[in-house]
Amino acid sequence: QVQLVESGGGLVQPGGSLRLSCAASSSIRFYAMGWYRQAPGKQRELVAAVLSAGSANYADSVKGRFTISRDNAMNTVWLQMNSLKPEDTAVYYCNANRFGVNSWGQGTQVTVSS
């Protein structure tokens, strides 16, 4: 299984931006990659995903504000988050999926607060 390490989380004011990175230990070329988040007391939810061919999909709550991208040569996936809202506060997890087998990172905290 591929090992994933997230970075880039932190504290940001409402309306601000953050860019999360997910570095993989090996090739992600054939993996579907995604970002999930989990807020306190809530279930983990899909935020954005990008397939190996490059097509992306987003949760309705982040459409137009977040952008997922990948560079297979760098074994890295990013999540650009703009116009952040307090309700975006959560631990964000990187996910790699191939043939139904999931790998997860340890998570990075994003807090949106004034």
PDB file of N, CA and C in Angstrom:
ATOM      1  N   GLN A   1       0.824  -1.181   0.000  1.00  0.00           N
ATOM      2  CA  GLN A   1       0.000   0.000   0.000  1.00  0.00           C
ATOM      3  C   GLN A   1       0.874   1.253   0.000  1.00  0.00           C
ATOM      4  N   VAL A   2       0.364   2.288  -0.636  1.00  0.00           N
ATOM      5  CA  VAL A   2       1.084   3.541  -0.683  1.00  0.00           C
ATOM      6  C   VAL A   2       0.932   4.250   0.661  1.00  0.00           C
ATOM      7  N   GLN A   3       2.003   4.889   1.116  1.00  0.00           N
ATOM      8  CA  GLN A   3       1.978   5.680   2.344  1.00  0.00           C
ATOM      9  C   GLN A   3       1.759   7.143   1.967  1.00  0.00           C
ATOM     10  N   LEU A   4       0.921   7.836   2.753  1.00  0.00           N
ATOM     11  CA  LEU A   4       0.545   9.213   2.430  1.00  0.00           C
ATOM     12  C   LEU A   4       0.868  10.126   3.605  1.00  0.00           C
ATOM     13  N   VAL A   5       1.391  11.311   3.307  1.00  0.00           N
ATOM     14  CA  VAL A   5       1.698  12.302   4.335  1.00  0.00           C
ATOM     15  C   VAL A   5       1.123  13.644   3.901  1.00  0.00           C
ATOM     16  N   GLU A   6       0.201  14.176   4.724  1.00  0.00           N
ATOM     17  CA  GLU A   6      -0.409  15.466   4.433  1.00  0.00           C
ATOM     18  C   GLU A   6       0.374  16.597   5.115  1.00  0.00           C
ATOM     19  N   SER A   7       0.274  17.775   4.540  1.00  0.00           N
ATOM     20  CA  SER A   7       0.844  18.974   5.144  1.00  0.00           C
ATOM     21  C   SER A   7       0.077  20.184   4.639  1.00  0.00           C
ATOM     22  N   GLY A   8       0.296  21.311   5.314  1.00  0.00           N
ATOM     23  CA  GLY A   8      -0.294  22.560   4.842  1.00  0.00           C
ATOM     24  C   GLY A   8      -1.469  23.072   5.639  1.00  0.00           C
ATOM     25  N   GLY A   9      -1.915  22.311   6.624  1.00  0.00           N
ATOM     26  CA  GLY A   9      -3.024  22.787   7.436  1.00  0.00           C
ATOM     27  C   GLY A   9      -2.602  23.911   8.355  1.00  0.00           C
ATOM     28  N   GLY A  10      -3.602  24.502   9.022  1.00  0.00           N
ATOM     29  CA  GLY A  10      -3.302  25.581   9.949  1.00  0.00           C
ATOM     30  C   GLY A  10      -4.522  26.379  10.293  1.00  0.00           C
ATOM     31  N   LEU A  11      -4.277  27.540  10.903  1.00  0.00           N
ATOM     32  CA  LEU A  11      -5.340  28.456  11.295  1.00  0.00           C
ATOM     33  C   LEU A  11      -5.418  29.584  10.269  1.00  0.00           C
ATOM     34  N   VAL A  12      -6.609  29.849   9.794  1.00  0.00           N
ATOM     35  CA  VAL A  12      -6.813  30.894   8.792  1.00  0.00           C
ATOM     36  C   VAL A  12      -8.112  31.625   9.095  1.00  0.00           C
ATOM     37  N   GLN A  13      -8.152  32.895   8.753  1.00  0.00           N
ATOM     38  CA  GLN A  13      -9.369  33.673   8.959  1.00  0.00           C
ATOM     39  C   GLN A  13     -10.397  33.372   7.886  1.00  0.00           C
ATOM     40  N   PRO A  14     -11.663  33.561   8.181  1.00  0.00           N
ATOM     41  CA  PRO A  14     -12.700  33.392   7.140  1.00  0.00           C
ATOM     42  C   PRO A  14     -12.375  34.240   5.913  1.00  0.00           C
ATOM     43  N   GLY A  15     -12.572  33.623   4.750  1.00  0.00           N
ATOM     44  CA  GLY A  15     -12.244  34.281   3.498  1.00  0.00           C
ATOM     45  C   GLY A  15     -10.824  34.027   3.028  1.00  0.00           C
ATOM     46  N   GLY A  16     -10.019  33.422   3.878  1.00  0.00           N
ATOM     47  CA  GLY A  16      -8.637  33.153   3.534  1.00  0.00           C
ATOM     48  C   GLY A  16      -8.456  31.898   2.701  1.00  0.00           C
ATOM     49  N   SER A  17      -7.190  31.572   2.446  1.00  0.00           N
ATOM     50  CA  SER A  17      -6.852  30.430   1.603  1.00  0.00           C
ATOM     51  C   SER A  17      -5.785  29.564   2.273  1.00  0.00           C
ATOM     52  N   LEU A  18      -5.827  28.299   1.949  1.00  0.00           N
ATOM     53  CA  LEU A  18      -4.795  27.342   2.331  1.00  0.00           C
ATOM     54  C   LEU A  18      -4.587  26.370   1.187  1.00  0.00           C
ATOM     55  N   ARG A  19      -3.391  25.820   1.134  1.00  0.00           N
ATOM     56  CA  ARG A  19      -3.098  24.785   0.145  1.00  0.00           C
ATOM     57  C   ARG A  19      -2.559  23.567   0.871  1.00  0.00           C
ATOM     58  N   LEU A  20      -3.303  22.488   0.779  1.00  0.00           N
ATOM     59  CA  LEU A  20      -2.889  21.230   1.387  1.00  0.00           C
ATOM     60  C   LEU A  20      -2.110  20.403   0.378  1.00  0.00           C
ATOM     61  N   SER A  21      -1.113  19.705   0.875  1.00  0.00           N
ATOM     62  CA  SER A  21      -0.323  18.806   0.035  1.00  0.00           C
ATOM     63  C   SER A  21      -0.400  17.391   0.586  1.00  0.00           C
ATOM     64  N   CYS A  22      -0.324  16.436  -0.308  1.00  0.00           N
ATOM     65  CA  CYS A  22      -0.300  15.020   0.064  1.00  0.00           C
ATOM     66  C   CYS A  22       0.821  14.359  -0.728  1.00  0.00           C
ATOM     67  N   ALA A  23       1.846  13.947  -0.015  1.00  0.00           N
ATOM     68  CA  ALA A  23       2.986  13.298  -0.648  1.00  0.00           C
ATOM     69  C   ALA A  23       2.887  11.791  -0.459  1.00  0.00           C
ATOM     70  N   ALA A  24       3.024  11.072  -1.556  1.00  0.00           N
ATOM     71  CA  ALA A  24       2.925   9.614  -1.526  1.00  0.00           C
ATOM     72  C   ALA A  24       4.317   8.982  -1.569  1.00  0.00           C
ATOM     73  N   SER A  25       4.408   7.801  -0.953  1.00  0.00           N
ATOM     74  CA  SER A  25       5.700   7.107  -0.863  1.00  0.00           C
ATOM     75  C   SER A  25       6.078   6.391  -2.140  1.00  0.00           C
ATOM     76  N   SER A  26       5.099   6.211  -3.037  1.00  0.00           N
ATOM     77  CA  SER A  26       5.355   5.518  -4.287  1.00  0.00           C
ATOM     78  C   SER A  26       4.387   6.048  -5.336  1.00  0.00           C
ATOM     79  N   SER A  27       4.455   5.489  -6.506  1.00  0.00           N
ATOM     80  CA  SER A  27       3.686   6.015  -7.626  1.00  0.00           C
ATOM     81  C   SER A  27       2.190   5.990  -7.360  1.00  0.00           C
ATOM     82  N   ILE A  28       1.542   7.105  -7.690  1.00  0.00           N
ATOM     83  CA  ILE A  28       0.092   7.222  -7.575  1.00  0.00           C
ATOM     84  C   ILE A  28      -0.580   7.178  -8.941  1.00  0.00           C
ATOM     85  N   ARG A  29       0.179   6.840  -9.938  1.00  0.00           N
ATOM     86  CA  ARG A  29      -0.286   6.958 -11.324  1.00  0.00           C
ATOM     87  C   ARG A  29      -1.626   6.259 -11.551  1.00  0.00           C
ATOM     88  N   PHE A  30      -1.817   5.102 -10.943  1.00  0.00           N
ATOM     89  CA  PHE A  30      -3.018   4.319 -11.217  1.00  0.00           C
ATOM     90  C   PHE A  30      -4.043   4.400 -10.080  1.00  0.00           C
ATOM     91  N   TYR A  31      -3.826   5.354  -9.192  1.00  0.00           N
ATOM     92  CA  TYR A  31      -4.733   5.510  -8.051  1.00  0.00           C
ATOM     93  C   TYR A  31      -5.736   6.636  -8.286  1.00  0.00           C
ATOM     94  N   ALA A  32      -6.937   6.445  -7.803  1.00  0.00           N
ATOM     95  CA  ALA A  32      -7.848   7.558  -7.599  1.00  0.00           C
ATOM     96  C   ALA A  32      -7.441   8.210  -6.280  1.00  0.00           C
ATOM     97  N   MET A  33      -7.292   9.530  -6.314  1.00  0.00           N
ATOM     98  CA  MET A  33      -6.834  10.255  -5.134  1.00  0.00           C
ATOM     99  C   MET A  33      -7.941  11.184  -4.645  1.00  0.00           C
ATOM    100  N   GLY A  34      -8.043  11.305  -3.335  1.00  0.00           N
ATOM    101  CA  GLY A  34      -9.108  12.151  -2.806  1.00  0.00           C
ATOM    102  C   GLY A  34      -8.710  12.832  -1.512  1.00  0.00           C
ATOM    103  N   TRP A  35      -9.458  13.870  -1.206  1.00  0.00           N
ATOM    104  CA  TRP A  35      -9.357  14.544   0.085  1.00  0.00           C
ATOM    105  C   TRP A  35     -10.692  14.378   0.808  1.00  0.00           C
ATOM    106  N   TYR A  36     -10.611  13.965   2.046  1.00  0.00           N
ATOM    107  CA  TYR A  36     -11.764  13.838   2.914  1.00  0.00           C
ATOM    108  C   TYR A  36     -11.559  14.751   4.117  1.00  0.00           C
ATOM    109  N   ARG A  37     -12.627  15.007   4.817  1.00  0.00           N
ATOM    110  CA  ARG A  37     -12.505  15.782   6.045  1.00  0.00           C
ATOM    111  C   ARG A  37     -13.465  15.238   7.096  1.00  0.00           C
ATOM    112  N   GLN A  38     -13.084  15.471   8.342  1.00  0.00           N
ATOM    113  CA  GLN A  38     -13.918  15.043   9.456  1.00  0.00           C
ATOM    114  C   GLN A  38     -13.909  16.118  10.522  1.00  0.00           C
ATOM    115  N   ALA A  39     -15.084  16.676  10.764  1.00  0.00           N
ATOM    116  CA  ALA A  39     -15.258  17.680  11.803  1.00  0.00           C
ATOM    117  C   ALA A  39     -15.661  16.980  13.102  1.00  0.00           C
ATOM    118  N   PRO A  40     -15.430  17.612  14.248  1.00  0.00           N
ATOM    119  CA  PRO A  40     -15.791  16.990  15.525  1.00  0.00           C
ATOM    120  C   PRO A  40     -17.261  16.594  15.565  1.00  0.00           C
ATOM    121  N   GLY A  41     -17.518  15.359  15.928  1.00  0.00           N
ATOM    122  CA  GLY A  41     -18.883  14.876  16.055  1.00  0.00           C
ATOM    123  C   GLY A  41     -19.563  14.538  14.749  1.00  0.00           C
ATOM    124  N   LYS A  42     -18.815  14.613  13.654  1.00  0.00           N
ATOM    125  CA  LYS A  42     -19.408  14.327  12.344  1.00  0.00           C
ATOM    126  C   LYS A  42     -18.676  13.181  11.664  1.00  0.00           C
ATOM    127  N   GLN A  43     -19.326  12.621  10.666  1.00  0.00           N
ATOM    128  CA  GLN A  43     -18.706  11.549   9.899  1.00  0.00           C
ATOM    129  C   GLN A  43     -17.703  12.119   8.898  1.00  0.00           C
ATOM    130  N   ARG A  44     -16.741  11.295   8.547  1.00  0.00           N
ATOM    131  CA  ARG A  44     -15.802  11.689   7.510  1.00  0.00           C
ATOM    132  C   ARG A  44     -16.548  11.806   6.189  1.00  0.00           C
ATOM    133  N   GLU A  45     -16.255  12.877   5.445  1.00  0.00           N
ATOM    134  CA  GLU A  45     -16.936  13.102   4.181  1.00  0.00           C
ATOM    135  C   GLU A  45     -15.939  13.402   3.072  1.00  0.00           C
ATOM    136  N   LEU A  46     -16.347  13.032   1.859  1.00  0.00           N
ATOM    137  CA  LEU A  46     -15.513  13.314   0.695  1.00  0.00           C
ATOM    138  C   LEU A  46     -15.595  14.800   0.367  1.00  0.00           C
ATOM    139  N   VAL A  47     -14.436  15.412   0.182  1.00  0.00           N
ATOM    140  CA  VAL A  47     -14.367  16.813  -0.222  1.00  0.00           C
ATOM    141  C   VAL A  47     -14.139  16.927  -1.727  1.00  0.00           C
ATOM    142  N   ALA A  48     -13.152  16.218  -2.220  1.00  0.00           N
ATOM    143  CA  ALA A  48     -12.816  16.271  -3.641  1.00  0.00           C
ATOM    144  C   ALA A  48     -12.038  15.024  -4.004  1.00  0.00           C
ATOM    145  N   ALA A  49     -12.158  14.623  -5.264  1.00  0.00           N
ATOM    146  CA  ALA A  49     -11.435  13.456  -5.746  1.00  0.00           C
ATOM    147  C   ALA A  49     -10.997  13.703  -7.173  1.00  0.00           C
ATOM    148  N   VAL A  50      -9.868  13.096  -7.526  1.00  0.00           N
ATOM    149  CA  VAL A  50      -9.372  13.185  -8.891  1.00  0.00           C
ATOM    150  C   VAL A  50      -8.944  11.789  -9.327  1.00  0.00           C
ATOM    151  N   LEU A  51      -9.491  11.351 -10.451  1.00  0.00           N
ATOM    152  CA  LEU A  51      -9.194  10.024 -10.954  1.00  0.00           C
ATOM    153  C   LEU A  51      -7.821   9.990 -11.626  1.00  0.00           C
ATOM    154  N   SER A  52      -7.366   8.794 -11.909  1.00  0.00           N
ATOM    155  CA  SER A  52      -6.045   8.654 -12.516  1.00  0.00           C
ATOM    156  C   SER A  52      -5.970   9.361 -13.868  1.00  0.00           C
ATOM    157  N   ALA A  53      -7.102   9.429 -14.556  1.00  0.00           N
ATOM    158  CA  ALA A  53      -7.139  10.096 -15.863  1.00  0.00           C
ATOM    159  C   ALA A  53      -7.231  11.613 -15.731  1.00  0.00           C
ATOM    160  N   GLY A  54      -7.484  12.095 -14.512  1.00  0.00           N
ATOM    161  CA  GLY A  54      -7.483  13.531 -14.287  1.00  0.00           C
ATOM    162  C   GLY A  54      -8.823  14.181 -14.040  1.00  0.00           C
ATOM    163  N   SER A  55      -9.917  13.486 -14.260  1.00  0.00           N
ATOM    164  CA  SER A  55     -11.222  14.099 -14.016  1.00  0.00           C
ATOM    165  C   SER A  55     -11.458  14.235 -12.518  1.00  0.00           C
ATOM    166  N   ALA A  56     -12.091  15.333 -12.142  1.00  0.00           N
ATOM    167  CA  ALA A  56     -12.264  15.643 -10.729  1.00  0.00           C
ATOM    168  C   ALA A  56     -13.737  15.829 -10.393  1.00  0.00           C
ATOM    169  N   ASN A  57     -14.067  15.568  -9.136  1.00  0.00           N
ATOM    170  CA  ASN A  57     -15.407  15.880  -8.651  1.00  0.00           C
ATOM    171  C   ASN A  57     -15.304  16.435  -7.242  1.00  0.00           C
ATOM    172  N   TYR A  58     -16.332  17.192  -6.851  1.00  0.00           N
ATOM    173  CA  TYR A  58     -16.298  17.942  -5.603  1.00  0.00           C
ATOM    174  C   TYR A  58     -17.615  17.801  -4.852  1.00  0.00           C
ATOM    175  N   ALA A  59     -17.515  17.914  -3.546  1.00  0.00           N
ATOM    176  CA  ALA A  59     -18.717  18.032  -2.745  1.00  0.00           C
ATOM    177  C   ALA A  59     -19.386  19.364  -3.074  1.00  0.00           C
ATOM    178  N   ASP A  60     -20.702  19.386  -3.026  1.00  0.00           N
ATOM    179  CA  ASP A  60     -21.430  20.611  -3.358  1.00  0.00           C
ATOM    180  C   ASP A  60     -20.978  21.779  -2.476  1.00  0.00           C
ATOM    181  N   SER A  61     -20.648  21.476  -1.235  1.00  0.00           N
ATOM    182  CA  SER A  61     -20.307  22.533  -0.284  1.00  0.00           C
ATOM    183  C   SER A  61     -18.997  23.254  -0.608  1.00  0.00           C
ATOM    184  N   VAL A  62     -18.175  22.665  -1.466  1.00  0.00           N
ATOM    185  CA  VAL A  62     -16.876  23.291  -1.778  1.00  0.00           C
ATOM    186  C   VAL A  62     -16.731  23.655  -3.249  1.00  0.00           C
ATOM    187  N   LYS A  63     -17.704  23.347  -4.047  1.00  0.00           N
ATOM    188  CA  LYS A  63     -17.618  23.653  -5.481  1.00  0.00           C
ATOM    189  C   LYS A  63     -17.413  25.144  -5.692  1.00  0.00           C
ATOM    190  N   GLY A  64     -16.482  25.472  -6.566  1.00  0.00           N
ATOM    191  CA  GLY A  64     -16.187  26.865  -6.856  1.00  0.00           C
ATOM    192  C   GLY A  64     -15.193  27.491  -5.889  1.00  0.00           C
ATOM    193  N   ARG A  65     -14.888  26.797  -4.796  1.00  0.00           N
ATOM    194  CA  ARG A  65     -13.944  27.340  -3.806  1.00  0.00           C
ATOM    195  C   ARG A  65     -12.672  26.493  -3.696  1.00  0.00           C
ATOM    196  N   PHE A  66     -12.818  25.182  -3.851  1.00  0.00           N
ATOM    197  CA  PHE A  66     -11.684  24.269  -3.708  1.00  0.00           C
ATOM    198  C   PHE A  66     -11.306  23.701  -5.070  1.00  0.00           C
ATOM    199  N   THR A  67     -10.022  23.413  -5.229  1.00  0.00           N
ATOM    200  CA  THR A  67      -9.530  22.788  -6.453  1.00  0.00           C
ATOM    201  C   THR A  67      -8.549  21.683  -6.085  1.00  0.00           C
ATOM    202  N   ILE A  68      -8.815  20.484  -6.598  1.00  0.00           N
ATOM    203  CA  ILE A  68      -7.901  19.368  -6.393  1.00  0.00           C
ATOM    204  C   ILE A  68      -7.047  19.205  -7.644  1.00  0.00           C
ATOM    205  N   SER A  69      -5.791  18.867  -7.443  1.00  0.00           N
ATOM    206  CA  SER A  69      -4.893  18.638  -8.573  1.00  0.00           C
ATOM    207  C   SER A  69      -3.880  17.566  -8.191  1.00  0.00           C
ATOM    208  N   ARG A  70      -3.258  17.000  -9.203  1.00  0.00           N
ATOM    209  CA  ARG A  70      -2.284  15.938  -8.973  1.00  0.00           C
ATOM    210  C   ARG A  70      -1.142  16.045  -9.960  1.00  0.00           C
ATOM    211  N   ASP A  71       0.020  15.575  -9.517  1.00  0.00           N
ATOM    212  CA  ASP A  71       1.173  15.462 -10.385  1.00  0.00           C
ATOM    213  C   ASP A  71       1.722  14.053 -10.179  1.00  0.00           C
ATOM    214  N   ASN A  72       1.468  13.190 -11.123  1.00  0.00           N
ATOM    215  CA  ASN A  72       1.876  11.794 -10.969  1.00  0.00           C
ATOM    216  C   ASN A  72       3.401  11.654 -10.936  1.00  0.00           C
ATOM    217  N   ALA A  73       4.094  12.520 -11.631  1.00  0.00           N
ATOM    218  CA  ALA A  73       5.558  12.447 -11.641  1.00  0.00           C
ATOM    219  C   ALA A  73       6.139  12.787 -10.270  1.00  0.00           C
ATOM    220  N   MET A  74       5.441  13.641  -9.531  1.00  0.00           N
ATOM    221  CA  MET A  74       5.888  14.028  -8.200  1.00  0.00           C
ATOM    222  C   MET A  74       5.232  13.205  -7.100  1.00  0.00           C
ATOM    223  N   ASN A  75       4.325  12.320  -7.489  1.00  0.00           N
ATOM    224  CA  ASN A  75       3.574  11.509  -6.501  1.00  0.00           C
ATOM    225  C   ASN A  75       2.910  12.405  -5.455  1.00  0.00           C
ATOM    226  N   THR A  76       2.298  13.473  -5.913  1.00  0.00           N
ATOM    227  CA  THR A  76       1.738  14.474  -5.003  1.00  0.00           C
ATOM    228  C   THR A  76       0.357  14.912  -5.475  1.00  0.00           C
ATOM    229  N   VAL A  77      -0.491  15.169  -4.491  1.00  0.00           N
ATOM    230  CA  VAL A  77      -1.835  15.695  -4.736  1.00  0.00           C
ATOM    231  C   VAL A  77      -1.989  16.943  -3.867  1.00  0.00           C
ATOM    232  N   TRP A  78      -2.678  17.920  -4.401  1.00  0.00           N
ATOM    233  CA  TRP A  78      -2.904  19.170  -3.669  1.00  0.00           C
ATOM    234  C   TRP A  78      -4.403  19.464  -3.566  1.00  0.00           C
ATOM    235  N   LEU A  79      -4.729  20.238  -2.560  1.00  0.00           N
ATOM    236  CA  LEU A  79      -6.080  20.771  -2.433  1.00  0.00           C
ATOM    237  C   LEU A  79      -5.939  22.266  -2.159  1.00  0.00           C
ATOM    238  N   GLN A  80      -6.271  23.070  -3.153  1.00  0.00           N
ATOM    239  CA  GLN A  80      -6.271  24.518  -2.997  1.00  0.00           C
ATOM    240  C   GLN A  80      -7.636  24.928  -2.458  1.00  0.00           C
ATOM    241  N   MET A  81      -7.621  25.583  -1.313  1.00  0.00           N
ATOM    242  CA  MET A  81      -8.870  25.969  -0.655  1.00  0.00           C
ATOM    243  C   MET A  81      -8.931  27.486  -0.555  1.00  0.00           C
ATOM    244  N   ASN A  82      -9.913  28.056  -1.220  1.00  0.00           N
ATOM    245  CA  ASN A  82     -10.111  29.506  -1.210  1.00  0.00           C
ATOM    246  C   ASN A  82     -11.448  29.845  -0.550  1.00  0.00           C
ATOM    247  N   SER A  83     -11.594  31.105  -0.190  1.00  0.00           N
ATOM    248  CA  SER A  83     -12.843  31.597   0.413  1.00  0.00           C
ATOM    249  C   SER A  83     -13.287  30.683   1.550  1.00  0.00           C
ATOM    250  N   LEU A  84     -12.363  30.381   2.420  1.00  0.00           N
ATOM    251  CA  LEU A  84     -12.650  29.439   3.500  1.00  0.00           C
ATOM    252  C   LEU A  84     -13.687  29.982   4.464  1.00  0.00           C
ATOM    253  N   LYS A  85     -14.493  29.053   4.971  1.00  0.00           N
ATOM    254  CA  LYS A  85     -15.569  29.382   5.898  1.00  0.00           C
ATOM    255  C   LYS A  85     -15.350  28.635   7.220  1.00  0.00           C
ATOM    256  N   PRO A  86     -15.922  29.123   8.293  1.00  0.00           N
ATOM    257  CA  PRO A  86     -15.783  28.407   9.568  1.00  0.00           C
ATOM    258  C   PRO A  86     -16.237  26.943   9.486  1.00  0.00           C
ATOM    259  N   GLU A  87     -17.230  26.679   8.667  1.00  0.00           N
ATOM    260  CA  GLU A  87     -17.726  25.306   8.533  1.00  0.00           C
ATOM    261  C   GLU A  87     -16.760  24.396   7.771  1.00  0.00           C
ATOM    262  N   ASP A  88     -15.690  24.939   7.227  1.00  0.00           N
ATOM    263  CA  ASP A  88     -14.650  24.108   6.616  1.00  0.00           C
ATOM    264  C   ASP A  88     -13.673  23.568   7.657  1.00  0.00           C
ATOM    265  N   THR A  89     -13.812  24.003   8.893  1.00  0.00           N
ATOM    266  CA  THR A  89     -12.937  23.530   9.957  1.00  0.00           C
ATOM    267  C   THR A  89     -13.088  22.025  10.146  1.00  0.00           C
ATOM    268  N   ALA A  90     -11.971  21.309  10.068  1.00  0.00           N
ATOM    269  CA  ALA A  90     -11.984  19.855  10.174  1.00  0.00           C
ATOM    270  C   ALA A  90     -10.552  19.344  10.080  1.00  0.00           C
ATOM    271  N   VAL A  91     -10.404  18.056  10.328  1.00  0.00           N
ATOM    272  CA  VAL A  91      -9.162  17.371   9.985  1.00  0.00           C
ATOM    273  C   VAL A  91      -9.314  16.863   8.556  1.00  0.00           C
ATOM    274  N   TYR A  92      -8.354  17.187   7.727  1.00  0.00           N
ATOM    275  CA  TYR A  92      -8.395  16.803   6.325  1.00  0.00           C
ATOM    276  C   TYR A  92      -7.450  15.623   6.091  1.00  0.00           C
ATOM    277  N   TYR A  93      -7.983  14.605   5.423  1.00  0.00           N
ATOM    278  CA  TYR A  93      -7.241  13.381   5.171  1.00  0.00           C
ATOM    279  C   TYR A  93      -7.073  13.158   3.667  1.00  0.00           C
ATOM    280  N   CYS A  94      -5.891  12.722   3.304  1.00  0.00           N
ATOM    281  CA  CYS A  94      -5.625  12.309   1.935  1.00  0.00           C
ATOM    282  C   CYS A  94      -5.940  10.824   1.797  1.00  0.00           C
ATOM    283  N   ASN A  95      -6.482  10.454   0.660  1.00  0.00           N
ATOM    284  CA  ASN A  95      -6.867   9.063   0.407  1.00  0.00           C
ATOM    285  C   ASN A  95      -6.379   8.621  -0.961  1.00  0.00           C
ATOM    286  N   ALA A  96      -5.906   7.382  -1.015  1.00  0.00           N
ATOM    287  CA  ALA A  96      -5.546   6.762  -2.284  1.00  0.00           C
ATOM    288  C   ALA A  96      -6.342   5.478  -2.419  1.00  0.00           C
ATOM    289  N   ASN A  97      -6.966   5.300  -3.553  1.00  0.00           N
ATOM    290  CA  ASN A  97      -7.802   4.120  -3.748  1.00  0.00           C
ATOM    291  C   ASN A  97      -7.461   3.442  -5.067  1.00  0.00           C
ATOM    292  N   ARG A  98      -7.268   2.127  -4.980  1.00  0.00           N
ATOM    293  CA  ARG A  98      -7.053   1.340  -6.184  1.00  0.00           C
ATOM    294  C   ARG A  98      -7.688  -0.020  -5.971  1.00  0.00           C
ATOM    295  N   PHE A  99      -8.579  -0.369  -6.857  1.00  0.00           N
ATOM    296  CA  PHE A  99      -9.296  -1.651  -6.786  1.00  0.00           C
ATOM    297  C   PHE A  99     -10.001  -1.810  -5.434  1.00  0.00           C
ATOM    298  N   GLY A 100     -10.502  -0.705  -4.898  1.00  0.00           N
ATOM    299  CA  GLY A 100     -11.250  -0.772  -3.649  1.00  0.00           C
ATOM    300  C   GLY A 100     -10.410  -0.826  -2.395  1.00  0.00           C
ATOM    301  N   VAL A 101      -9.102  -0.787  -2.539  1.00  0.00           N
ATOM    302  CA  VAL A 101      -8.206  -0.798  -1.377  1.00  0.00           C
ATOM    303  C   VAL A 101      -7.803   0.638  -1.070  1.00  0.00           C
ATOM    304  N   ASN A 102      -8.058   1.063   0.169  1.00  0.00           N
ATOM    305  CA  ASN A 102      -7.812   2.446   0.562  1.00  0.00           C
ATOM    306  C   ASN A 102      -6.553   2.586   1.395  1.00  0.00           C
ATOM    307  N   SER A 103      -5.836   3.676   1.140  1.00  0.00           N
ATOM    308  CA  SER A 103      -4.736   4.105   2.010  1.00  0.00           C
ATOM    309  C   SER A 103      -5.069   5.504   2.498  1.00  0.00           C
ATOM    310  N   TRP A 104      -4.714   5.787   3.765  1.00  0.00           N
ATOM    311  CA  TRP A 104      -5.027   7.073   4.371  1.00  0.00           C
ATOM    312  C   TRP A 104      -3.775   7.707   4.961  1.00  0.00           C
ATOM    313  N   GLY A 105      -3.753   9.030   4.909  1.00  0.00           N
ATOM    314  CA  GLY A 105      -2.731   9.752   5.634  1.00  0.00           C
ATOM    315  C   GLY A 105      -3.153   9.955   7.076  1.00  0.00           C
ATOM    316  N   GLN A 106      -2.305  10.642   7.828  1.00  0.00           N
ATOM    317  CA  GLN A 106      -2.568  10.838   9.256  1.00  0.00           C
ATOM    318  C   GLN A 106      -3.491  12.037   9.505  1.00  0.00           C
ATOM    319  N   GLY A 107      -3.683  12.864   8.519  1.00  0.00           N
ATOM    320  CA  GLY A 107      -4.580  14.014   8.637  1.00  0.00           C
ATOM    321  C   GLY A 107      -3.844  15.295   8.983  1.00  0.00           C
ATOM    322  N   THR A 108      -4.431  16.405   8.570  1.00  0.00           N
ATOM    323  CA  THR A 108      -3.897  17.718   8.904  1.00  0.00           C
ATOM    324  C   THR A 108      -5.070  18.620   9.305  1.00  0.00           C
ATOM    325  N   GLN A 109      -4.883  19.348  10.387  1.00  0.00           N
ATOM    326  CA  GLN A 109      -5.969  20.165  10.931  1.00  0.00           C
ATOM    327  C   GLN A 109      -6.090  21.484  10.173  1.00  0.00           C
ATOM    328  N   VAL A 110      -7.294  21.806   9.790  1.00  0.00           N
ATOM    329  CA  VAL A 110      -7.620  23.112   9.205  1.00  0.00           C
ATOM    330  C   VAL A 110      -8.645  23.785  10.116  1.00  0.00           C
ATOM    331  N   THR A 111      -8.305  24.964  10.590  1.00  0.00           N
ATOM    332  CA  THR A 111      -9.203  25.721  11.450  1.00  0.00           C
ATOM    333  C   THR A 111      -9.450  27.083  10.832  1.00  0.00           C
ATOM    334  N   VAL A 112     -10.721  27.386  10.600  1.00  0.00           N
ATOM    335  CA  VAL A 112     -11.110  28.670  10.018  1.00  0.00           C
ATOM    336  C   VAL A 112     -11.834  29.465  11.094  1.00  0.00           C
ATOM    337  N   SER A 113     -11.185  30.504  11.564  1.00  0.00           N
ATOM    338  CA  SER A 113     -11.739  31.274  12.682  1.00  0.00           C
ATOM    339  C   SER A 113     -11.124  32.659  12.695  1.00  0.00           C
ATOM    340  N   SER A 114     -11.926  33.610  13.159  1.00  0.00           N
ATOM    341  CA  SER A 114     -11.416  34.970  13.324  1.00  0.00           C
ATOM    342  C   SER A 114     -10.926  35.193  14.747  1.00  0.00           C
TER     343      SER A 114
END
